[in-house]
Amino acid sequence: MLIGSAQSWFAPLVETSSPLLTNFPAFLAEFEATFGDTDRRRTVLNRLYSLQQGSRAASIYASEFRQLACDVDWDEQALRDLFRRGLRSDIKNLLLNFPEPTTLHEAISQAVRCDNRLFEFHQEERSNRVPQPRPSSSRSPGLWPVMPTATGLPTHASDSHAPMEIDRTHVQPRVGTQRQHRQANGLCYHCGAPGHIARSCPVRGNRYQPHRMDARNISQQSENDNVRLQ
């Protein structure tokens, strides 16, 4: 079952028929001396000095502290002081209201009790916290962003529900605004394109029917009517 460096260490024992092969306790002692921690006490002390509770529960921190404390021969006073040193600052503040512990077990019990009380306090704070009102989404009409339209005229986002005039090619804004824009820029009243007028608009074709007749057409129509009567 040995691999790597352990197998390399074991092979010479077989080749030389070492007495360790017939004495299992001596074999384990030699094996541990070769691959184990040669200064276990120093290693445990370093871990104890650097051990901190952090964001963990006090009970978890205390369990790890007890495991490491089994490998050192310190007295109760030294262990209590080192345990208190690794606690969070908020628990240390609460421990000021408790009597001085006489054993490590008592020090751990006090710390766990304080940690539980703090946890309950934070839970109550979260449940009693009043939610802040969300900012209103209403805005004055002058603050709405300006949006481009098909005719090139700016319009506001708040006018998105205003009545629209729809033809085959464009979604147009209100008639008054559209007509003024096209008249000022010499555009076709029907499609909004330059270079022609509504009467000859290629989009409308022959479907255009003038709403008004000029004076020449009225005069010509009157003469035709007189000829028919004669």
Protein backbone atom coordinates (compact mmCIF):
# COMPACT_ATOMS: atom_id res chain seq x y z
CA MET A 1 0.00 0.00 0.00
CA LEU A 2 3.02 2.31 0.08
CA ILE A 3 3.65 4.65 -2.87
CA GLY A 4 6.01 7.46 -3.77
CA SER A 5 8.60 8.45 -1.19
CA ALA A 6 7.15 6.00 1.39
CA GLN A 7 7.74 3.11 -0.99
CA SER A 8 11.28 4.33 -1.63
CA TRP A 9 11.84 4.41 2.14
CA PHE A 10 10.41 0.89 2.59
CA ALA A 11 12.36 -0.85 -0.22
CA PRO A 12 15.77 -0.80 1.56
CA LEU A 13 14.15 -2.35 4.64
CA VAL A 14 13.14 -5.35 2.54
CA GLU A 15 16.50 -5.59 0.77
CA THR A 16 18.45 -5.56 4.07
CA SER A 17 15.89 -7.67 6.00
CA SER A 18 15.58 -4.95 8.63
CA PRO A 19 14.38 -6.04 12.11
CA LEU A 20 11.66 -3.38 11.75
CA LEU A 21 9.81 -5.82 9.48
CA THR A 22 9.24 -8.16 12.43
CA ASN A 23 8.41 -5.46 15.01
CA PHE A 24 5.31 -3.53 13.98
CA PRO A 25 5.28 -0.94 16.84
CA ALA A 26 8.93 -0.10 16.11
CA PHE A 27 8.11 0.08 12.39
CA LEU A 28 5.28 2.59 13.04
CA ALA A 29 7.52 4.68 15.30
CA GLU A 30 10.21 4.86 12.61
CA PHE A 31 7.63 5.58 9.94
CA GLU A 32 6.12 8.47 11.92
CA ALA A 33 9.55 9.86 12.73
CA THR A 34 10.37 9.93 9.02
CA PHE A 35 7.12 11.26 7.54
CA GLY A 36 5.29 12.76 10.53
CA ASP A 37 5.53 16.21 12.07
CA THR A 38 8.86 16.34 13.79
CA ASP A 39 7.82 19.32 15.95
CA ARG A 40 4.11 18.85 16.43
CA ARG A 41 3.96 21.03 19.53
CA ARG A 42 5.47 24.00 17.72
CA THR A 43 3.05 23.52 14.82
CA VAL A 44 0.04 23.42 17.15
CA LEU A 45 1.23 26.53 19.00
CA ASN A 46 1.54 28.44 15.76
CA ARG A 47 -1.98 27.43 14.77
CA LEU A 48 -3.37 28.42 18.17
CA TYR A 49 -1.74 31.86 18.02
CA SER A 50 -3.15 32.53 14.54
CA LEU A 51 -6.62 31.06 15.18
CA GLN A 52 -9.41 33.65 14.90
CA GLN A 53 -13.19 33.39 15.05
CA GLY A 54 -13.79 35.67 12.09
CA SER A 55 -17.32 35.44 10.67
CA ARG A 56 -17.86 31.94 12.06
CA ALA A 57 -20.09 31.05 14.97
CA ALA A 58 -18.41 31.02 18.36
CA SER A 59 -19.27 27.33 18.78
CA ILE A 60 -17.32 26.37 15.63
CA TYR A 61 -14.34 28.46 16.72
CA ALA A 62 -14.43 26.88 20.20
CA SER A 63 -14.52 23.35 18.74
CA GLU A 64 -11.38 23.94 16.67
CA PHE A 65 -9.66 25.60 19.64
CA ARG A 66 -10.36 22.58 21.87
CA GLN A 67 -8.86 20.17 19.32
CA LEU A 68 -5.63 22.13 19.14
CA ALA A 69 -5.47 22.69 22.90
CA CYS A 70 -5.27 18.91 23.47
CA ASP A 71 -1.73 18.88 22.04
CA VAL A 72 -0.26 21.51 24.39
CA ASP A 73 0.39 21.32 28.12
CA TRP A 74 -0.78 24.80 29.03
CA ASP A 75 -2.78 25.59 32.16
CA GLU A 76 -6.37 26.83 32.21
CA GLN A 77 -5.47 30.49 32.59
CA ALA A 78 -3.27 30.54 29.47
CA LEU A 79 -5.88 28.70 27.40
CA ARG A 80 -8.67 31.07 28.52
CA ASP A 81 -6.63 34.12 27.61
CA LEU A 82 -5.70 32.75 24.20
CA PHE A 83 -9.30 31.73 23.51
CA ARG A 84 -10.57 35.21 24.38
CA ARG A 85 -7.90 36.76 22.17
CA GLY A 86 -9.30 35.07 19.06
CA LEU A 87 -12.93 36.13 19.59
CA ARG A 88 -14.63 38.85 17.55
CA SER A 89 -14.60 42.35 19.02
CA ASP A 90 -18.40 42.58 19.42
CA ILE A 91 -18.42 39.40 21.55
CA LYS A 92 -15.50 40.70 23.63
CA ASN A 93 -17.52 43.83 24.39
CA LEU A 94 -20.46 41.78 25.63
CA LEU A 95 -18.18 39.62 27.78
CA LEU A 96 -17.32 42.72 29.83
CA ASN A 97 -20.70 42.30 31.54
CA PHE A 98 -19.93 38.71 32.59
CA PRO A 99 -17.87 37.61 35.60
CA GLU A 100 -14.34 36.42 34.96
CA PRO A 101 -14.44 32.71 33.98
CA THR A 102 -12.40 30.23 36.02
CA THR A 103 -12.16 27.43 33.42
CA LEU A 104 -11.87 27.13 29.65
CA HIS A 105 -15.28 25.46 29.57
CA GLU A 106 -16.88 28.43 31.31
CA ALA A 107 -15.15 30.89 28.97
CA ILE A 108 -16.45 29.00 25.95
CA SER A 109 -20.00 28.88 27.36
CA GLN A 110 -20.05 32.65 27.90
CA ALA A 111 -18.75 33.35 24.39
CA VAL A 112 -21.31 31.05 22.77
CA ARG A 113 -24.11 32.69 24.77
CA CYS A 114 -23.03 36.18 23.67
CA ASP A 115 -22.75 35.08 20.06
CA ASN A 116 -26.30 33.66 20.14
CA ARG A 117 -27.68 36.87 21.63
CA LEU A 118 -25.99 38.95 18.94
CA PHE A 119 -27.41 36.71 16.24
CA GLU A 120 -30.94 37.10 17.66
CA PHE A 121 -30.49 40.88 17.86
CA HIS A 122 -29.45 41.16 14.20
CA GLN A 123 -32.36 38.96 13.13
CA GLU A 124 -34.83 41.23 14.96
CA GLU A 125 -33.28 44.30 13.36
CA ARG A 126 -33.77 42.86 9.89
CA SER A 127 -37.40 41.93 10.56
CA ASN A 128 -38.25 45.35 12.06
CA ARG A 129 -36.48 47.37 9.44
CA VAL A 130 -38.98 49.63 7.63
CA PRO A 131 -38.54 49.47 3.84
CA GLN A 132 -37.60 52.77 2.27
CA PRO A 133 -40.15 54.17 -0.23
CA ARG A 134 -39.09 53.85 -3.81
CA PRO A 135 -38.62 57.11 -5.73
CA SER A 136 -41.60 58.15 -7.81
CA SER A 137 -41.32 57.61 -11.53
CA SER A 138 -43.48 60.66 -12.35
CA ARG A 139 -41.64 63.44 -14.12
CA SER A 140 -42.63 66.84 -15.36
CA PRO A 141 -43.29 67.01 -19.12
CA GLY A 142 -40.27 69.21 -19.63
CA LEU A 143 -37.91 66.55 -18.27
CA TRP A 144 -38.85 63.74 -20.67
CA PRO A 145 -36.10 62.85 -23.15
CA VAL A 146 -36.48 64.15 -26.68
CA MET A 147 -37.13 61.37 -29.22
CA PRO A 148 -36.63 61.67 -33.01
CA THR A 149 -39.61 61.15 -35.31
CA ALA A 150 -40.02 60.08 -38.92
CA THR A 151 -40.45 63.71 -40.04
CA GLY A 152 -37.32 64.91 -38.28
CA LEU A 153 -39.26 66.94 -35.71
CA PRO A 154 -38.33 66.34 -32.07
CA THR A 155 -41.00 65.04 -29.78
CA HIS A 156 -41.09 64.05 -26.13
CA ALA A 157 -41.44 60.56 -24.71
CA SER A 158 -44.45 61.76 -22.68
CA ASP A 159 -46.33 62.34 -25.98
CA SER A 160 -46.13 58.66 -26.91
CA HIS A 161 -49.88 58.24 -26.33
CA ALA A 162 -50.92 61.29 -28.38
CA PRO A 163 -53.19 60.71 -31.42
CA MET A 164 -51.20 59.68 -34.50
CA GLU A 165 -51.97 59.90 -38.21
CA ILE A 166 -50.84 56.71 -39.98
CA ASP A 167 -50.26 56.28 -43.74
CA ARG A 168 -48.59 53.51 -45.73
CA THR A 169 -45.01 54.60 -45.14
CA HIS A 170 -44.76 56.69 -41.98
CA VAL A 171 -46.20 57.09 -38.51
CA GLN A 172 -46.86 60.80 -38.42
CA PRO A 173 -47.39 63.17 -35.47
CA ARG A 174 -50.36 65.49 -35.15
CA VAL A 175 -51.71 66.99 -38.37
CA GLY A 176 -51.12 70.61 -37.41
CA THR A 177 -47.50 70.10 -36.49
CA GLN A 178 -46.86 67.93 -39.57
CA ARG A 179 -48.42 70.37 -42.01
CA GLN A 180 -46.53 73.37 -40.61
CA HIS A 181 -43.23 71.49 -40.80
CA ARG A 182 -43.76 70.38 -44.41
CA GLN A 183 -44.96 73.81 -45.50
CA ALA A 184 -41.93 75.52 -43.94
CA ASN A 185 -39.49 73.10 -45.61
CA GLY A 186 -41.17 72.80 -49.04
CA LEU A 187 -42.11 69.14 -48.60
CA CYS A 188 -44.97 67.12 -50.01
CA TYR A 189 -48.06 67.36 -47.77
CA HIS A 190 -48.79 63.67 -48.33
CA CYS A 191 -45.50 61.71 -47.97
CA GLY A 192 -43.15 64.39 -46.59
CA ALA A 193 -40.56 63.98 -49.38
CA PRO A 194 -39.00 66.95 -51.24
CA GLY A 195 -39.18 67.63 -54.99
CA HIS A 196 -42.94 67.40 -55.61
CA ILE A 197 -46.29 68.44 -54.18
CA ALA A 198 -49.25 66.41 -52.98
CA ARG A 199 -51.05 66.68 -56.36
CA SER A 200 -48.22 64.82 -58.13
CA CYS A 201 -47.15 62.62 -55.19
CA PRO A 202 -45.94 59.23 -56.54
CA VAL A 203 -46.99 57.52 -53.32
CA ARG A 204 -50.64 58.54 -53.61
CA GLY A 205 -50.80 58.18 -57.41
CA ASN A 206 -54.11 58.87 -59.07
CA ARG A 207 -56.09 58.56 -55.85
CA TYR A 208 -55.46 62.18 -54.94
CA GLN A 209 -58.63 64.21 -54.94
CA PRO A 210 -58.20 67.98 -54.33
CA HIS A 211 -60.31 69.34 -51.55
CA ARG A 212 -60.58 72.79 -53.19
CA MET A 213 -60.74 74.08 -56.72
CA ASP A 214 -58.92 77.25 -57.69
CA ALA A 215 -60.62 80.21 -59.48
CA ARG A 216 -59.57 79.03 -62.96
CA ASN A 217 -61.19 75.63 -62.56
CA ILE A 218 -64.40 77.21 -61.22
CA SER A 219 -64.58 79.58 -64.23
CA GLN A 220 -63.96 76.75 -66.70
CA GLN A 221 -66.64 74.63 -65.05
CA SER A 222 -69.15 77.53 -65.32
CA GLU A 223 -68.46 77.97 -69.07
CA ASN A 224 -68.99 74.24 -69.69
CA ASP A 225 -72.26 74.37 -67.84
CA ASN A 226 -73.47 77.35 -69.96
CA VAL A 227 -72.59 75.56 -73.21
CA ARG A 228 -74.63 72.56 -72.12
CA LEU A 229 -77.64 74.75 -71.31
CA GLN A 230 -77.53 76.49 -74.73
